[in-house]
């Protein structure tokens, strides 16, 4: 009797290090402290670039909140044994740095949003001008524009965090943003696969339809 042919294994588009980074982003966004501690230990064991991990932690305050960023930094220091750097150029609030953040933020945000960038700025200013300034200076300038982690990997992690948090509007924007930042469609599909077990079936179906629309645009 011939044995049944096993189902084909889906090829992964994400490299192991990027996959590990995305999984850590999800754990930081959704898990409690003990599960996060385990996730940090896995990141150390997988030898994910520690600079990438620290950049992920820094950007997490934008999407998961400052308390989670602080907890993640604490667990990372515990798991990795690495000390915080003695200084950082982006810790300097001098006026010249603020101008540099604004310029870097405009460039990074324009890359992510592409031909919808000007409409985004108008929409955010209509909500509140302070939100527009903070988005550019603090979000895209001070944090997401940092060169220590490439924008493609940043956006893939943001897609994961928006999905696990069921933030549909932000997910829509960052699915496009990940493509604009150089991620492949298969890499983004892999990210949605990573998040899928944490979501309800209805939510997964909704996000897959959203992703289909983004890809078809």
N, C-alpha and C. Protein backbone atom coordinates (compact mmCIF):
# COMPACT_ATOMS: atom_id res chain seq x y z
N UNK A 1 0.86 -1.19 0.00
CA UNK A 1 0.00 0.00 0.00
C UNK A 1 0.90 1.24 0.00
N UNK A 2 0.60 2.14 -0.90
CA UNK A 2 1.41 3.34 -1.02
C UNK A 2 1.05 4.34 0.07
N UNK A 3 2.05 4.86 0.74
CA UNK A 3 1.81 5.85 1.78
C UNK A 3 1.30 7.14 1.16
N UNK A 4 0.39 7.84 1.85
CA UNK A 4 -0.11 9.10 1.30
C UNK A 4 1.00 10.13 1.20
N UNK A 5 0.90 10.94 0.18
CA UNK A 5 1.88 12.00 -0.01
C UNK A 5 1.65 13.10 1.02
N UNK A 6 2.65 13.48 1.80
CA UNK A 6 2.43 14.54 2.79
C UNK A 6 2.16 15.86 2.11
N UNK A 7 1.39 16.74 2.77
CA UNK A 7 1.11 18.04 2.17
C UNK A 7 2.38 18.84 1.98
N UNK A 8 2.40 19.62 0.93
CA UNK A 8 3.58 20.44 0.65
C UNK A 8 3.78 21.45 1.77
N UNK A 9 5.01 21.63 2.17
CA UNK A 9 5.34 22.61 3.19
C UNK A 9 5.46 23.98 2.55
N UNK A 10 4.78 24.94 3.15
CA UNK A 10 4.84 26.29 2.61
C UNK A 10 6.24 26.86 2.81
N UNK A 11 6.82 27.36 1.76
CA UNK A 11 8.13 27.99 1.86
C UNK A 11 8.00 29.32 2.60
N UNK A 12 8.93 29.57 3.47
CA UNK A 12 8.90 30.82 4.24
C UNK A 12 9.65 31.90 3.48
N UNK A 13 9.04 33.04 3.39
CA UNK A 13 9.71 34.17 2.73
C UNK A 13 10.60 34.93 3.71
N UNK A 14 10.21 34.98 4.97
CA UNK A 14 11.00 35.71 5.97
C UNK A 14 12.24 34.92 6.34
N UNK A 15 13.37 35.60 6.43
CA UNK A 15 14.56 34.94 6.97
C UNK A 15 14.36 34.71 8.46
N UNK A 16 15.13 33.81 9.03
CA UNK A 16 14.92 33.40 10.43
C UNK A 16 15.03 34.57 11.40
N UNK A 17 16.00 35.45 11.18
CA UNK A 17 16.19 36.56 12.10
C UNK A 17 15.01 37.53 12.06
N UNK A 18 14.51 37.81 10.86
CA UNK A 18 13.37 38.72 10.75
C UNK A 18 12.12 38.08 11.33
N UNK A 19 11.94 36.79 11.08
CA UNK A 19 10.81 36.08 11.68
C UNK A 19 10.88 36.16 13.21
N UNK A 20 12.05 35.93 13.76
CA UNK A 20 12.19 36.02 15.21
C UNK A 20 11.88 37.41 15.73
N UNK A 21 12.28 38.42 14.98
CA UNK A 21 12.00 39.80 15.39
C UNK A 21 10.50 40.07 15.37
N UNK A 22 9.81 39.60 14.34
CA UNK A 22 8.36 39.78 14.25
C UNK A 22 7.66 39.05 15.40
N UNK A 23 8.09 37.83 15.68
CA UNK A 23 7.50 37.08 16.79
C UNK A 23 7.71 37.79 18.12
N UNK A 24 8.87 38.40 18.29
CA UNK A 24 9.14 39.16 19.51
C UNK A 24 8.25 40.40 19.58
N UNK A 25 8.04 41.06 18.45
CA UNK A 25 7.15 42.22 18.41
C UNK A 25 5.75 41.85 18.86
N UNK A 26 5.27 40.70 18.39
CA UNK A 26 3.93 40.23 18.77
C UNK A 26 3.87 39.93 20.26
N UNK A 27 4.88 39.24 20.77
CA UNK A 27 4.90 38.92 22.20
C UNK A 27 4.91 40.19 23.04
N UNK A 28 5.69 41.17 22.64
CA UNK A 28 5.76 42.43 23.38
C UNK A 28 4.42 43.15 23.36
N UNK A 29 3.71 43.05 22.25
CA UNK A 29 2.44 43.76 22.11
C UNK A 29 1.29 43.07 22.83
N UNK A 30 1.36 41.74 22.95
CA UNK A 30 0.17 41.00 23.38
C UNK A 30 0.33 40.17 24.64
N UNK A 31 1.54 39.85 25.05
CA UNK A 31 1.73 38.88 26.13
C UNK A 31 2.00 39.55 27.47
N UNK A 32 1.84 38.76 28.53
CA UNK A 32 2.21 39.21 29.86
C UNK A 32 3.71 39.10 30.09
N UNK A 33 4.13 39.50 31.28
CA UNK A 33 5.56 39.61 31.54
C UNK A 33 6.28 38.26 31.49
N UNK A 34 5.66 37.20 32.00
CA UNK A 34 6.35 35.91 32.01
C UNK A 34 6.52 35.38 30.58
N UNK A 35 5.48 35.51 29.76
CA UNK A 35 5.60 35.07 28.37
C UNK A 35 6.59 35.93 27.61
N UNK A 36 6.61 37.22 27.91
CA UNK A 36 7.58 38.11 27.28
C UNK A 36 9.00 37.72 27.68
N UNK A 37 9.18 37.34 28.93
CA UNK A 37 10.50 36.92 29.39
C UNK A 37 10.97 35.70 28.59
N UNK A 38 10.07 34.76 28.35
CA UNK A 38 10.42 33.59 27.55
C UNK A 38 10.76 33.99 26.12
N UNK A 39 10.00 34.95 25.57
CA UNK A 39 10.25 35.41 24.20
C UNK A 39 11.62 36.07 24.09
N UNK A 40 12.00 36.82 25.11
CA UNK A 40 13.32 37.44 25.10
C UNK A 40 14.42 36.39 25.16
N UNK A 41 14.20 35.35 25.95
CA UNK A 41 15.20 34.27 26.02
C UNK A 41 15.34 33.58 24.67
N UNK A 42 14.23 33.41 23.97
CA UNK A 42 14.29 32.79 22.64
C UNK A 42 15.05 33.69 21.67
N UNK A 43 14.84 34.99 21.78
CA UNK A 43 15.55 35.93 20.90
C UNK A 43 17.06 35.87 21.14
N UNK A 44 17.46 35.74 22.40
CA UNK A 44 18.89 35.61 22.72
C UNK A 44 19.43 34.30 22.16
N UNK A 45 18.68 33.21 22.37
CA UNK A 45 19.14 31.90 21.90
C UNK A 45 19.24 31.87 20.38
N UNK A 46 18.34 32.58 19.69
CA UNK A 46 18.35 32.61 18.23
C UNK A 46 19.41 33.56 17.67
N UNK A 47 20.08 34.28 18.54
CA UNK A 47 21.13 35.21 18.16
C UNK A 47 20.63 36.27 17.18
N UNK A 48 19.43 36.75 17.42
CA UNK A 48 18.95 37.89 16.65
C UNK A 48 19.83 39.09 16.98
N UNK A 49 20.15 39.87 15.99
CA UNK A 49 21.03 41.03 16.18
C UNK A 49 20.51 41.85 17.37
N UNK A 50 21.30 42.01 18.43
CA UNK A 50 20.82 42.74 19.60
C UNK A 50 20.47 44.19 19.31
N UNK A 51 21.12 44.78 18.33
CA UNK A 51 20.75 46.16 17.95
C UNK A 51 19.34 46.19 17.38
N UNK A 52 18.98 45.19 16.60
CA UNK A 52 17.61 45.11 16.08
C UNK A 52 16.61 44.99 17.22
N UNK A 53 16.92 44.14 18.18
CA UNK A 53 15.99 43.95 19.31
C UNK A 53 15.81 45.26 20.06
N UNK A 54 16.89 45.98 20.30
CA UNK A 54 16.77 47.23 21.04
C UNK A 54 15.97 48.26 20.25
N UNK A 55 16.15 48.27 18.93
CA UNK A 55 15.36 49.20 18.11
C UNK A 55 13.89 48.81 18.13
N UNK A 56 13.60 47.52 18.09
CA UNK A 56 12.21 47.07 18.20
C UNK A 56 11.59 47.52 19.51
N UNK A 57 12.34 47.39 20.59
CA UNK A 57 11.83 47.82 21.89
C UNK A 57 11.58 49.33 21.89
N UNK A 58 12.51 50.10 21.33
CA UNK A 58 12.33 51.54 21.30
C UNK A 58 11.08 51.93 20.51
N UNK A 59 10.85 51.28 19.36
CA UNK A 59 9.70 51.68 18.56
C UNK A 59 8.39 51.16 19.14
N UNK A 60 8.48 50.18 20.05
CA UNK A 60 7.24 49.61 20.58
C UNK A 60 6.42 50.61 21.37
N UNK A 61 7.05 51.65 21.91
CA UNK A 61 6.25 52.60 22.68
C UNK A 61 5.27 53.36 21.78
N UNK A 62 5.55 53.42 20.48
CA UNK A 62 4.64 54.11 19.57
C UNK A 62 3.36 53.32 19.33
N UNK A 63 3.46 51.99 19.36
CA UNK A 63 2.34 51.15 18.96
C UNK A 63 1.77 50.31 20.09
N UNK A 64 2.55 50.07 21.13
CA UNK A 64 2.08 49.23 22.24
C UNK A 64 2.02 49.97 23.56
N UNK A 65 2.55 51.19 23.60
CA UNK A 65 2.50 51.98 24.81
C UNK A 65 3.80 51.96 25.59
N UNK A 66 4.03 53.02 26.36
CA UNK A 66 5.29 53.17 27.09
C UNK A 66 5.49 52.10 28.16
N UNK A 67 4.43 51.69 28.89
CA UNK A 67 4.65 50.64 29.90
C UNK A 67 5.19 49.35 29.29
N UNK A 68 4.67 48.94 28.15
CA UNK A 68 5.19 47.72 27.52
C UNK A 68 6.62 47.91 27.03
N UNK A 69 6.93 49.09 26.54
CA UNK A 69 8.30 49.35 26.12
C UNK A 69 9.27 49.25 27.30
N UNK A 70 8.88 49.81 28.43
CA UNK A 70 9.72 49.74 29.63
C UNK A 70 9.89 48.30 30.09
N UNK A 71 8.80 47.53 30.11
CA UNK A 71 8.88 46.13 30.54
C UNK A 71 9.77 45.33 29.58
N UNK A 72 9.61 45.60 28.28
CA UNK A 72 10.41 44.88 27.30
C UNK A 72 11.90 45.19 27.47
N UNK A 73 12.21 46.46 27.70
CA UNK A 73 13.61 46.83 27.91
C UNK A 73 14.18 46.15 29.15
N UNK A 74 13.38 46.09 30.19
CA UNK A 74 13.84 45.43 31.43
C UNK A 74 14.09 43.94 31.19
N UNK A 75 13.17 43.27 30.51
CA UNK A 75 13.34 41.84 30.25
C UNK A 75 14.50 41.58 29.29
N UNK A 76 14.72 42.48 28.36
CA UNK A 76 15.83 42.33 27.42
C UNK A 76 17.16 42.46 28.16
N UNK A 77 17.27 43.43 29.05
CA UNK A 77 18.51 43.58 29.82
C UNK A 77 18.76 42.32 30.65
N UNK A 78 17.70 41.76 31.22
CA UNK A 78 17.83 40.56 32.04
C UNK A 78 18.26 39.36 31.18
N UNK A 79 17.62 39.19 30.02
CA UNK A 79 17.87 38.01 29.19
C UNK A 79 19.21 38.09 28.47
N UNK A 80 19.56 39.27 27.99
CA UNK A 80 20.75 39.40 27.15
C UNK A 80 22.03 39.67 27.93
N UNK A 81 21.88 40.22 29.13
CA UNK A 81 23.05 40.63 29.89
C UNK A 81 23.73 41.87 29.35
N UNK A 82 23.12 42.50 28.36
CA UNK A 82 23.70 43.71 27.76
C UNK A 82 23.31 44.94 28.58
N UNK A 83 24.25 45.85 28.72
CA UNK A 83 23.98 47.11 29.39
C UNK A 83 23.48 48.14 28.38
N UNK A 84 22.76 49.09 28.86
CA UNK A 84 22.31 50.18 27.99
C UNK A 84 23.52 50.95 27.48
N UNK A 85 23.44 51.51 26.28
CA UNK A 85 24.56 52.32 25.79
C UNK A 85 24.76 53.55 26.66
N UNK A 86 25.98 54.05 26.66
CA UNK A 86 26.29 55.22 27.48
C UNK A 86 25.59 56.48 26.98
N UNK A 87 25.26 56.52 25.73
CA UNK A 87 24.57 57.67 25.16
C UNK A 87 23.97 57.31 23.82
N UNK A 88 23.22 58.24 23.27
CA UNK A 88 22.59 58.02 21.97
C UNK A 88 22.35 59.40 21.35
N UNK A 89 22.67 59.57 20.06
CA UNK A 89 22.47 60.88 19.44
C UNK A 89 21.03 61.37 19.53
N UNK A 90 20.06 60.44 19.49
CA UNK A 90 18.66 60.85 19.52
C UNK A 90 18.16 61.12 20.93
N UNK A 91 19.03 61.01 21.93
CA UNK A 91 18.67 61.41 23.28
C UNK A 91 18.93 62.88 23.53
N UNK A 92 19.53 63.56 22.55
CA UNK A 92 19.87 64.98 22.67
C UNK A 92 18.71 65.82 22.15
N UNK A 93 18.04 66.60 23.03
CA UNK A 93 16.88 67.38 22.58
C UNK A 93 17.22 68.77 22.06
N UNK A 94 18.47 69.00 21.71
CA UNK A 94 18.87 70.32 21.23
C UNK A 94 18.07 70.71 20.00
N UNK A 95 17.84 72.01 19.79
CA UNK A 95 17.04 72.45 18.64
C UNK A 95 17.52 71.90 17.31
N UNK A 96 18.82 71.78 17.14
CA UNK A 96 19.33 71.24 15.87
C UNK A 96 18.87 69.80 15.67
N UNK A 97 18.79 69.02 16.76
CA UNK A 97 18.33 67.63 16.66
C UNK A 97 16.86 67.60 16.28
N UNK A 98 16.07 68.50 16.85
CA UNK A 98 14.64 68.52 16.53
C UNK A 98 14.44 68.81 15.04
N UNK A 99 15.21 69.74 14.50
CA UNK A 99 15.11 70.02 13.07
C UNK A 99 15.51 68.80 12.25
N UNK A 100 16.53 68.09 12.71
CA UNK A 100 16.96 66.88 12.00
C UNK A 100 15.89 65.79 12.08
N UNK A 101 15.24 65.65 13.24
CA UNK A 101 14.16 64.68 13.37
C UNK A 101 13.01 65.02 12.42
N UNK A 102 12.71 66.31 12.31
CA UNK A 102 11.60 66.71 11.44
C UNK A 102 11.91 66.34 9.99
N UNK A 103 13.11 66.63 9.54
CA UNK A 103 13.48 66.31 8.16
C UNK A 103 13.49 64.80 7.94
N UNK A 104 14.07 64.08 8.89
CA UNK A 104 14.11 62.62 8.76
C UNK A 104 12.71 62.04 8.83
N UNK A 105 11.88 62.63 9.68
CA UNK A 105 10.51 62.15 9.80
C UNK A 105 9.71 62.36 8.54
N UNK A 106 9.85 63.53 7.91
CA UNK A 106 9.14 63.76 6.66
C UNK A 106 9.56 62.75 5.60
N UNK A 107 10.85 62.49 5.49
CA UNK A 107 11.36 61.55 4.49
C UNK A 107 10.86 60.13 4.76
N UNK A 108 10.94 59.70 6.01
CA UNK A 108 10.51 58.33 6.35
C UNK A 108 9.02 58.16 6.16
N UNK A 109 8.24 59.13 6.61
CA UNK A 109 6.79 59.04 6.48
C UNK A 109 6.39 59.04 5.01
N UNK A 110 7.05 59.85 4.19
CA UNK A 110 6.75 59.89 2.76
C UNK A 110 7.06 58.55 2.10
N UNK A 111 8.12 57.88 2.55
CA UNK A 111 8.42 56.55 2.01
C UNK A 111 7.32 55.57 2.36
N UNK A 112 6.87 55.58 3.59
CA UNK A 112 5.85 54.63 4.04
C UNK A 112 4.52 54.87 3.33
N UNK A 113 4.13 56.12 3.20
CA UNK A 113 2.79 56.43 2.68
C UNK A 113 2.76 56.69 1.18
N UNK A 114 3.89 56.90 0.56
CA UNK A 114 3.92 57.05 -0.89
C UNK A 114 3.03 58.17 -1.37
N UNK A 115 2.20 57.87 -2.36
CA UNK A 115 1.40 58.93 -2.98
C UNK A 115 0.22 59.38 -2.12
N UNK A 116 0.03 58.76 -0.94
CA UNK A 116 -1.01 59.23 -0.02
C UNK A 116 -0.43 60.08 1.11
N UNK A 117 0.85 60.41 1.02
CA UNK A 117 1.52 61.13 2.11
C UNK A 117 0.86 62.48 2.40
N UNK A 118 0.65 63.30 1.37
CA UNK A 118 0.08 64.63 1.60
C UNK A 118 -1.33 64.54 2.17
N UNK A 119 -2.10 63.55 1.71
CA UNK A 119 -3.45 63.38 2.25
C UNK A 119 -3.39 62.97 3.71
N UNK A 120 -2.44 62.08 4.05
CA UNK A 120 -2.27 61.71 5.45
C UNK A 120 -1.99 62.92 6.31
N UNK A 121 -1.06 63.77 5.90
CA UNK A 121 -0.71 64.94 6.71
C UNK A 121 -1.92 65.83 6.91
N UNK A 122 -2.71 66.04 5.84
CA UNK A 122 -3.90 66.88 5.95
C UNK A 122 -4.91 66.25 6.91
N UNK A 123 -5.08 64.94 6.82
CA UNK A 123 -6.04 64.26 7.70
C UNK A 123 -5.63 64.33 9.16
N UNK A 124 -4.34 64.16 9.44
CA UNK A 124 -3.88 64.21 10.83
C UNK A 124 -3.95 65.63 11.37
N UNK A 125 -3.62 66.61 10.55
CA UNK A 125 -3.76 68.01 11.00
C UNK A 125 -5.21 68.33 11.31
N UNK A 126 -6.14 67.73 10.57
CA UNK A 126 -7.56 67.98 10.83
C UNK A 126 -8.00 67.37 12.17
N UNK A 127 -7.31 66.34 12.61
CA UNK A 127 -7.59 65.78 13.93
C UNK A 127 -7.02 66.68 15.02
N UNK A 128 -5.76 67.08 14.84
CA UNK A 128 -5.12 68.04 15.76
C UNK A 128 -3.73 68.32 15.23
N UNK A 129 -3.34 69.59 15.13
CA UNK A 129 -2.02 69.90 14.59
C UNK A 129 -0.89 69.33 15.44
N UNK A 130 -1.11 69.19 16.74
CA UNK A 130 -0.05 68.61 17.58
C UNK A 130 0.18 67.15 17.20
N UNK A 131 -0.88 66.42 16.87
CA UNK A 131 -0.71 65.02 16.46
C UNK A 131 0.13 64.92 15.20
N UNK A 132 -0.08 65.85 14.28
CA UNK A 132 0.71 65.84 13.04
C UNK A 132 2.19 66.08 13.36
N UNK A 133 2.48 67.06 14.20
CA UNK A 133 3.88 67.35 14.56
C UNK A 133 4.51 66.18 15.29
N UNK A 134 3.78 65.59 16.23
CA UNK A 134 4.33 64.46 16.99
C UNK A 134 4.54 63.25 16.08
N UNK A 135 3.63 63.03 15.15
CA UNK A 135 3.78 61.91 14.22
C UNK A 135 5.08 62.04 13.44
N UNK A 136 5.36 63.25 12.93
CA UNK A 136 6.55 63.44 12.10
C UNK A 136 7.82 63.48 12.94
N UNK A 137 7.84 64.30 13.98
CA UNK A 137 9.07 64.47 14.77
C UNK A 137 9.34 63.25 15.63
N UNK A 138 8.37 62.86 16.45
CA UNK A 138 8.61 61.78 17.41
C UNK A 138 8.47 60.40 16.77
N UNK A 139 7.42 60.21 15.96
CA UNK A 139 7.19 58.89 15.39
C UNK A 139 8.16 58.54 14.28
N UNK A 140 8.06 59.25 13.17
CA UNK A 140 8.85 58.90 12.00
C UNK A 140 10.26 59.48 12.04
N UNK A 141 10.46 60.58 12.76
CA UNK A 141 11.78 61.18 12.82
C UNK A 141 12.65 60.61 13.90
N UNK A 142 12.20 60.75 15.14
CA UNK A 142 13.03 60.34 16.27
C UNK A 142 13.15 58.83 16.39
N UNK A 143 12.12 58.08 15.96
CA UNK A 143 12.10 56.63 16.21
C UNK A 143 12.23 55.82 14.92
N UNK A 144 11.22 55.88 14.06
CA UNK A 144 11.18 54.98 12.90
C UNK A 144 12.23 55.32 11.84
N UNK A 145 12.75 56.53 11.87
CA UNK A 145 13.79 56.91 10.91
C UNK A 145 15.20 56.57 11.36
N UNK A 146 15.33 56.00 12.55
CA UNK A 146 16.68 55.63 13.03
C UNK A 146 17.28 54.58 12.10
N UNK A 147 18.57 54.73 11.77
CA UNK A 147 19.17 53.82 10.79
C UNK A 147 19.61 52.47 11.36
N UNK A 148 19.51 52.28 12.66
CA UNK A 148 20.02 51.05 13.25
C UNK A 148 19.20 49.81 12.87
N UNK A 149 17.97 50.02 12.40
CA UNK A 149 17.13 48.93 11.89
C UNK A 149 16.47 49.43 10.63
N UNK A 150 16.54 48.64 9.57
CA UNK A 150 16.02 49.09 8.28
C UNK A 150 14.50 49.23 8.32
N UNK A 151 13.99 50.11 7.48
CA UNK A 151 12.56 50.44 7.49
C UNK A 151 11.71 49.23 7.10
N UNK A 152 12.20 48.39 6.24
CA UNK A 152 11.45 47.20 5.84
C UNK A 152 11.13 46.33 7.05
N UNK A 153 12.12 46.03 7.86
CA UNK A 153 11.87 45.19 9.03
C UNK A 153 11.02 45.93 10.06
N UNK A 154 11.23 47.22 10.19
CA UNK A 154 10.37 47.99 11.11
C UNK A 154 8.90 47.84 10.70
N UNK A 155 8.63 48.01 9.40
CA UNK A 155 7.24 47.97 8.94
C UNK A 155 6.65 46.57 9.08
N UNK A 156 7.43 45.53 8.83
CA UNK A 156 6.91 44.18 9.02
C UNK A 156 6.51 43.96 10.48
N UNK A 157 7.31 44.46 11.41
CA UNK A 157 6.95 44.34 12.83
C UNK A 157 5.72 45.17 13.16
N UNK A 158 5.59 46.33 12.56
CA UNK A 158 4.42 47.18 12.80
C UNK A 158 3.15 46.50 12.28
N UNK A 159 3.24 45.87 11.11
CA UNK A 159 2.10 45.11 10.58
C UNK A 159 1.65 44.07 11.61
N UNK A 160 2.60 43.34 12.17
CA UNK A 160 2.27 42.31 13.15
C UNK A 160 1.58 42.90 14.38
N UNK A 161 2.11 44.00 14.89
CA UNK A 161 1.56 44.62 16.09
C UNK A 161 0.17 45.19 15.82
N UNK A 162 -0.02 45.82 14.68
CA UNK A 162 -1.34 46.36 14.34
C UNK A 162 -2.36 45.23 14.18
N UNK A 163 -1.92 44.11 13.61
CA UNK A 163 -2.83 42.98 13.43
C UNK A 163 -3.23 42.36 14.76
N UNK A 164 -2.24 42.09 15.62
CA UNK A 164 -2.57 41.43 16.88
C UNK A 164 -3.40 42.36 17.78
N UNK A 165 -3.25 43.68 17.59
CA UNK A 165 -4.07 44.63 18.33
C UNK A 165 -5.40 44.94 17.67
N UNK A 166 -5.65 44.33 16.51
CA UNK A 166 -6.89 44.52 15.74
C UNK A 166 -7.13 46.00 15.45
N UNK A 167 -6.07 46.68 15.04
CA UNK A 167 -6.15 48.08 14.65
C UNK A 167 -6.26 48.14 13.13
N UNK A 168 -7.50 48.03 12.64
CA UNK A 168 -7.72 47.85 11.21
C UNK A 168 -7.19 49.00 10.36
N UNK A 169 -7.45 50.21 10.76
CA UNK A 169 -7.01 51.36 9.95
C UNK A 169 -5.49 51.43 9.87
N UNK A 170 -4.85 51.25 11.02
CA UNK A 170 -3.39 51.30 11.02
C UNK A 170 -2.81 50.10 10.28
N UNK A 171 -3.46 48.95 10.40
CA UNK A 171 -2.99 47.78 9.65
C UNK A 171 -3.05 48.06 8.15
N UNK A 172 -4.15 48.62 7.70
CA UNK A 172 -4.29 48.96 6.27
C UNK A 172 -3.13 49.86 5.82
N UNK A 173 -2.86 50.89 6.60
CA UNK A 173 -1.80 51.83 6.24
C UNK A 173 -0.44 51.15 6.20
N UNK A 174 -0.17 50.27 7.17
CA UNK A 174 1.17 49.71 7.26
C UNK A 174 1.35 48.46 6.39
N UNK A 175 0.26 47.85 5.95
CA UNK A 175 0.41 46.85 4.89
C UNK A 175 0.96 47.53 3.64
N UNK A 176 0.39 48.67 3.30
CA UNK A 176 0.92 49.45 2.17
C UNK A 176 2.33 49.95 2.48
N UNK A 177 2.52 50.38 3.72
CA UNK A 177 3.83 50.91 4.11
C UNK A 177 4.92 49.87 4.01
N UNK A 178 4.62 48.64 4.39
CA UNK A 178 5.62 47.58 4.29
C UNK A 178 6.01 47.34 2.83
N UNK A 179 5.01 47.34 1.94
CA UNK A 179 5.32 47.22 0.51
C UNK A 179 6.17 48.39 0.04
N UNK A 180 5.79 49.59 0.45
CA UNK A 180 6.54 50.78 0.03
C UNK A 180 7.96 50.77 0.57
N UNK A 181 8.16 50.13 1.72
CA UNK A 181 9.49 50.07 2.33
C UNK A 181 10.33 48.93 1.78
N UNK A 182 9.80 48.15 0.85
CA UNK A 182 10.59 47.12 0.19
C UNK A 182 10.28 45.69 0.57
N UNK A 183 9.29 45.47 1.44
CA UNK A 183 8.92 44.10 1.79
C UNK A 183 8.18 43.45 0.62
N UNK A 184 8.36 42.15 0.47
CA UNK A 184 7.65 41.43 -0.58
C UNK A 184 6.26 41.04 -0.08
N UNK A 185 5.37 40.74 -1.01
CA UNK A 185 4.03 40.28 -0.65
C UNK A 185 4.11 38.99 0.16
N UNK A 186 5.03 38.10 -0.19
CA UNK A 186 5.16 36.83 0.54
C UNK A 186 5.64 37.07 1.97
N UNK A 187 6.53 38.03 2.16
CA UNK A 187 6.99 38.34 3.52
C UNK A 187 5.83 38.85 4.37
N UNK A 188 5.01 39.71 3.81
CA UNK A 188 3.87 40.24 4.56
C UNK A 188 2.87 39.13 4.86
N UNK A 189 2.64 38.23 3.90
CA UNK A 189 1.76 37.09 4.16
C UNK A 189 2.30 36.24 5.30
N UNK A 190 3.62 36.06 5.35
CA UNK A 190 4.23 35.32 6.46
C UNK A 190 3.94 35.99 7.80
N UNK A 191 4.01 37.31 7.84
CA UNK A 191 3.73 38.03 9.08
C UNK A 191 2.28 37.78 9.51
N UNK A 192 1.35 37.84 8.58
CA UNK A 192 -0.04 37.57 8.93
C UNK A 192 -0.23 36.13 9.39
N UNK A 193 0.55 35.20 8.84
CA UNK A 193 0.51 33.81 9.31
C UNK A 193 0.99 33.70 10.74
N UNK A 194 2.02 34.47 11.10
CA UNK A 194 2.55 34.44 12.47
C UNK A 194 1.49 34.91 13.46
N UNK A 195 0.75 35.93 13.08
CA UNK A 195 -0.26 36.51 13.98
C UNK A 195 -1.54 35.68 14.02
N UNK A 196 -1.83 34.97 12.96
CA UNK A 196 -3.14 34.30 12.80
C UNK A 196 -3.58 33.45 13.99
N UNK A 197 -2.71 32.64 14.61
CA UNK A 197 -3.19 31.81 15.72
C UNK A 197 -3.70 32.60 16.92
N UNK A 198 -3.35 33.86 17.01
CA UNK A 198 -3.78 34.68 18.13
C UNK A 198 -5.10 35.40 17.89
N UNK A 199 -5.63 35.28 16.67
CA UNK A 199 -6.82 36.03 16.29
C UNK A 199 -8.02 35.10 16.09
N UNK A 200 -9.20 35.66 16.22
CA UNK A 200 -10.42 34.91 15.92
C UNK A 200 -10.49 34.64 14.41
N UNK A 201 -11.21 33.60 14.05
CA UNK A 201 -11.33 33.24 12.63
C UNK A 201 -11.92 34.40 11.83
N UNK A 202 -12.91 35.07 12.38
CA UNK A 202 -13.55 36.18 11.66
C UNK A 202 -12.56 37.31 11.45
N UNK A 203 -11.71 37.56 12.44
CA UNK A 203 -10.72 38.62 12.31
C UNK A 203 -9.68 38.25 11.27
N UNK A 204 -9.26 37.00 11.27
CA UNK A 204 -8.31 36.56 10.25
C UNK A 204 -8.89 36.71 8.84
N UNK A 205 -10.14 36.34 8.68
CA UNK A 205 -10.76 36.48 7.36
C UNK A 205 -10.81 37.94 6.95
N UNK A 206 -11.15 38.81 7.89
CA UNK A 206 -11.22 40.24 7.58
C UNK A 206 -9.86 40.79 7.16
N UNK A 207 -8.83 40.39 7.88
CA UNK A 207 -7.49 40.89 7.56
C UNK A 207 -6.97 40.32 6.24
N UNK A 208 -7.32 39.07 5.94
CA UNK A 208 -6.89 38.50 4.66
C UNK A 208 -7.56 39.22 3.49
N UNK A 209 -8.84 39.55 3.65
CA UNK A 209 -9.53 40.31 2.61
C UNK A 209 -8.91 41.69 2.46
N UNK A 210 -8.58 42.31 3.58
CA UNK A 210 -7.91 43.61 3.53
C UNK A 210 -6.59 43.50 2.79
N UNK A 211 -5.80 42.49 3.11
CA UNK A 211 -4.51 42.29 2.46
C UNK A 211 -4.69 42.03 0.97
N UNK A 212 -5.72 41.27 0.60
CA UNK A 212 -5.99 41.04 -0.82
C UNK A 212 -6.28 42.35 -1.55
N UNK A 213 -7.02 43.23 -0.90
CA UNK A 213 -7.34 44.52 -1.52
C UNK A 213 -6.09 45.38 -1.68
N UNK A 214 -5.23 45.37 -0.67
CA UNK A 214 -3.99 46.15 -0.74
C UNK A 214 -3.10 45.63 -1.87
N UNK A 215 -2.96 44.33 -1.95
CA UNK A 215 -2.12 43.75 -3.00
C UNK A 215 -2.66 44.03 -4.40
N UNK A 216 -3.97 44.08 -4.50
CA UNK A 216 -4.58 44.26 -5.83
C UNK A 216 -4.58 45.71 -6.28
N UNK A 217 -4.34 46.63 -5.34
CA UNK A 217 -4.42 48.08 -5.67
C UNK A 217 -3.29 48.49 -6.59
